[in-house]
Protein backbone atom coordinates (compact mmCIF):
# COMPACT_ATOMS: atom_id res chain seq x y z
CA MET A 1 6.58 -41.92 -11.27
CA ASP A 2 7.19 -42.61 -15.04
CA GLU A 3 5.72 -40.61 -17.92
CA GLN A 4 2.77 -42.79 -18.34
CA GLN A 5 1.79 -42.59 -14.69
CA GLU A 6 2.25 -38.71 -14.89
CA ARG A 7 -0.24 -38.52 -17.82
CA VAL A 8 -2.88 -40.56 -16.04
CA VAL A 9 -2.50 -38.36 -12.87
CA VAL A 10 -2.84 -35.23 -14.96
CA GLN A 11 -5.76 -36.40 -16.56
CA GLY A 12 -7.23 -37.44 -13.32
CA LEU A 13 -6.66 -33.89 -11.98
CA ARG A 14 -8.32 -32.33 -15.02
CA ALA A 15 -11.35 -34.68 -14.40
CA GLY A 16 -11.37 -33.77 -10.66
CA LYS A 17 -10.84 -37.30 -9.56
CA THR A 18 -9.83 -37.64 -5.87
CA GLU A 19 -7.53 -40.67 -6.41
CA ALA A 20 -5.43 -38.40 -8.79
CA TRP A 21 -5.01 -35.84 -6.20
CA GLN A 22 -4.04 -38.66 -3.71
CA ALA A 23 -1.50 -39.88 -6.23
CA LEU A 24 0.03 -36.38 -6.79
CA TYR A 25 0.20 -36.07 -3.00
CA GLU A 26 1.83 -39.39 -2.33
CA ALA A 27 4.39 -39.02 -5.13
CA TYR A 28 5.40 -35.50 -4.54
CA ALA A 29 4.38 -34.04 -1.25
CA GLU A 30 7.52 -34.96 0.59
CA ARG A 31 9.84 -33.88 -2.16
CA VAL A 32 7.86 -30.57 -2.44
CA TRP A 33 8.28 -30.23 1.39
CA ARG A 34 12.02 -30.77 1.53
CA SER A 35 12.41 -28.31 -1.52
CA VAL A 36 10.46 -25.62 0.00
CA ALA A 37 11.96 -25.98 3.40
CA ARG A 38 15.37 -25.34 1.85
CA LEU A 39 14.09 -21.90 0.68
CA LEU A 40 12.10 -21.01 3.67
CA GLY A 41 14.24 -22.45 6.47
CA PRO A 42 13.12 -24.38 9.68
CA HIS A 43 9.50 -22.96 9.85
CA PRO A 44 7.32 -25.94 9.63
CA ALA A 45 3.96 -23.93 9.79
CA ASP A 46 5.18 -21.75 6.66
CA VAL A 47 6.43 -24.70 4.77
CA ALA A 48 3.01 -26.63 5.35
CA ASP A 49 1.17 -23.74 4.17
CA VAL A 50 3.21 -23.32 0.98
CA VAL A 51 3.05 -27.04 0.15
CA GLN A 52 -0.64 -27.02 0.56
CA GLU A 53 -1.11 -23.95 -1.56
CA THR A 54 1.32 -25.59 -4.23
CA LEU A 55 -0.74 -28.83 -4.41
CA LEU A 56 -3.90 -27.01 -4.57
CA ALA A 57 -2.74 -24.69 -7.27
CA ALA A 58 -1.43 -27.73 -9.12
CA ALA A 59 -4.82 -29.42 -9.04
CA ARG A 60 -6.35 -26.08 -10.20
CA SER A 61 -4.17 -25.65 -13.10
CA ALA A 62 -3.60 -29.14 -14.24
CA ALA A 63 -4.58 -28.20 -17.76
CA THR A 64 -1.54 -26.16 -18.02
CA PHE A 65 0.71 -29.06 -17.82
CA ASP A 66 2.47 -29.86 -21.04
CA PRO A 67 4.36 -33.27 -20.86
CA GLU A 68 6.23 -32.09 -24.10
CA ARG A 69 7.99 -29.32 -21.95
CA GLY A 70 9.30 -31.50 -19.22
CA ALA A 71 8.37 -33.82 -16.37
CA LEU A 72 5.52 -33.33 -13.92
CA TRP A 73 7.98 -32.69 -11.17
CA LEU A 74 9.44 -29.53 -13.11
CA TRP A 75 5.99 -28.21 -13.65
CA LEU A 76 5.01 -28.80 -10.02
CA TRP A 77 8.31 -27.17 -8.56
CA GLY A 78 7.60 -24.11 -10.82
CA ILE A 79 4.44 -23.67 -8.97
CA ALA A 80 6.17 -24.28 -5.84
CA ARG A 81 8.66 -21.63 -6.37
CA ARG A 82 5.81 -19.11 -7.22
CA GLN A 83 4.02 -19.92 -4.01
CA VAL A 84 7.34 -19.42 -1.94
CA ALA A 85 7.74 -16.06 -3.59
CA LEU A 86 4.03 -15.05 -2.84
CA HIS A 87 4.62 -16.39 0.85
CA LEU A 88 7.81 -14.15 1.17
CA ARG A 89 5.98 -11.10 -0.18
CA LYS A 90 3.20 -11.57 2.32
CA GLN A 91 5.67 -11.91 5.06
CA GLN A 92 7.49 -8.76 4.03
CA ARG A 93 4.29 -7.00 4.01
CA HIS A 94 3.55 -8.25 7.52
CA ASP A 95 6.83 -7.15 8.74
CA ARG A 96 6.35 -3.60 7.24
CA LEU A 97 3.03 -3.43 8.96
CA ARG A 98 4.35 -4.54 12.15
CA GLN A 99 6.93 -1.96 12.00
CA ALA A 100 4.70 0.88 10.97
CA GLY A 101 2.14 -0.19 13.74
CA ALA A 102 5.10 0.10 16.22
CA TRP A 103 5.82 3.55 14.86
CA LEU A 104 2.21 4.63 15.19
CA ALA A 105 2.07 3.30 18.74
CA ALA A 106 5.26 5.21 19.62
CA SER A 107 3.62 8.55 18.70
CA ASN A 108 1.78 8.36 22.04
CA GLY A 109 -1.67 8.80 20.37
CA ARG A 110 -0.57 12.15 18.60
CA LEU A 111 -1.15 10.79 15.09
CA LEU A 112 -4.45 9.34 16.15
CA ARG A 113 -5.50 12.58 17.76
CA TRP A 114 -4.42 14.33 14.44
CA LEU A 115 -6.57 11.79 12.42
CA ASP A 116 -9.54 12.60 14.71
CA GLY A 117 -8.89 16.37 14.11
CA HIS A 118 -8.01 17.22 17.60
CA GLU A 119 -4.26 18.05 17.02
CA PRO A 120 -2.28 19.52 14.11
CA SER A 121 -0.34 17.13 12.15
CA PRO A 122 3.27 16.64 12.98
CA PRO A 123 5.32 17.62 9.78
CA GLU A 124 7.64 14.85 9.98
CA ALA A 125 4.88 12.23 9.95
CA LEU A 126 3.44 13.43 6.68
CA VAL A 127 6.49 12.21 4.74
CA ALA A 128 7.24 9.01 6.77
CA ALA A 129 7.37 5.74 4.95
CA GLU A 130 5.42 4.06 7.74
CA LEU A 131 2.59 6.44 7.39
CA VAL A 132 2.50 5.68 3.61
CA THR A 133 2.44 1.98 4.46
CA LEU A 134 -0.36 2.30 7.02
CA VAL A 135 -2.47 4.46 4.59
CA ARG A 136 -2.01 1.95 1.70
CA ALA A 137 -2.95 -0.99 3.97
CA THR A 138 -6.00 0.66 5.48
CA LEU A 139 -7.38 1.74 1.89
CA THR A 140 -7.20 -1.96 0.91
CA GLU A 141 -9.40 -2.89 3.78
CA LEU A 142 -12.16 -0.50 2.90
CA PRO A 143 -15.09 -1.25 0.62
CA GLU A 144 -14.29 -0.24 -2.98
CA ASP A 145 -16.60 2.72 -3.04
CA TYR A 146 -14.94 4.14 -0.02
CA GLU A 147 -11.42 3.49 -1.35
CA THR A 148 -12.35 5.07 -4.55
CA VAL A 149 -13.87 8.21 -3.21
CA LEU A 150 -10.99 8.86 -0.61
CA THR A 151 -8.30 8.26 -3.21
CA ALA A 152 -10.03 10.60 -5.63
CA LYS A 153 -10.43 13.29 -2.94
CA TYR A 154 -7.26 13.11 -0.84
CA LEU A 155 -4.78 11.56 -3.10
CA ASP A 156 -5.73 12.88 -6.46
CA GLY A 157 -6.86 16.16 -5.17
CA GLU A 158 -10.20 16.10 -6.88
CA SER A 159 -13.01 18.34 -5.86
CA VAL A 160 -16.53 16.99 -4.73
CA GLU A 161 -17.96 18.54 -7.81
CA VAL A 162 -15.57 16.69 -10.11
CA ILE A 163 -16.14 13.41 -8.41
CA ALA A 164 -19.99 13.98 -8.45
CA ARG A 165 -19.91 14.80 -12.27
CA ARG A 166 -17.82 11.83 -13.18
CA GLU A 167 -19.91 9.48 -11.11
CA ARG A 168 -23.09 11.08 -12.32
CA SER A 169 -24.23 11.66 -8.66
CA SER A 170 -25.08 14.68 -6.59
CA GLU A 171 -22.53 16.47 -4.57
CA ALA A 172 -24.65 15.89 -1.35
CA ALA A 173 -24.31 12.19 -2.16
CA VAL A 174 -20.59 12.33 -2.60
CA ARG A 175 -20.09 14.38 0.64
CA SER A 176 -22.21 11.75 2.62
CA ARG A 177 -20.15 9.08 1.16
CA LEU A 178 -16.88 10.85 1.95
CA ALA A 179 -18.10 11.41 5.52
CA ARG A 180 -18.81 7.66 5.92
CA ALA A 181 -15.58 6.74 4.22
CA ARG A 182 -13.56 8.85 6.45
CA GLN A 183 -15.19 7.27 9.60
CA ALA A 184 -14.30 3.79 8.27
CA PHE A 185 -10.84 4.73 7.50
CA ARG A 186 -10.27 6.14 11.01
CA LEU A 187 -11.56 2.86 12.62
CA ALA A 188 -9.48 0.78 10.26
CA PHE A 189 -6.35 2.92 10.78
CA ARG A 190 -6.56 2.84 14.53
CA ARG A 191 -6.32 -1.03 14.58
CA TYR A 192 -2.77 -0.66 13.28
CA ALA A 193 -1.54 0.68 16.53
CA ASP A 194 -1.74 -2.87 17.98
CA TYR A 195 -1.23 -4.63 14.55
CA SER A 196 -0.37 -8.32 14.79
CA PRO A 197 0.29 -10.40 11.58
CA ASP A 198 -0.86 -13.62 13.45
CA ARG A 199 -4.40 -12.23 13.98
CA PRO A 200 -6.93 -13.29 11.35
CA ALA A 201 -7.52 -10.91 8.35
CA GLU A 202 -10.98 -10.30 9.74
CA ALA A 203 -9.75 -8.90 12.96
CA HIS A 204 -8.33 -6.00 10.85
CA HIS A 205 -11.31 -5.17 8.96
CA GLU A 206 -14.65 -3.87 10.24
CA SER A 207 -17.63 -3.07 7.94
CA PRO A 208 -18.85 0.55 8.42
């Protein structure tokens, strides 16, 4: 694809033209695939996901392409490299969650009984990196108002009175929200005992 063709394709992408998307795909999809595969290894499903995300991101950000700064391929490959990095970070997160889930399962229910208030906490668990990973992952699954109040109360050590004053709410309302948030947290946390990164995200999230 020469410089003039590149300009036409980019203009078409900016205008949302289907034929421009097709031209981009036909010109670069195979090259992106080969280049991504060299970084990710022989995992066709992973490579396919990254290639698709790369081309979609390119279509969304066509306005950022400046032909004075280099060829269309260099711009596209820059997007692909960012998508590869994102994919690897997600994979690392999945691996950490899988390991943390196995750690939780290996406790034979002791940590879950502690979470339910039926058993004292094992001292070693409170400083375990796996527990930190699970707590952080669980908090991200909760509605924002639940995550906020749990973080304020249990991670920042704020009192119900302080939280209520800052939010211009009543202490009774804050205690009620804390109770619902704790219940939602317990439900979400339990699911990591049989965590699998291949399950859809919805399987790890349950609305309270």
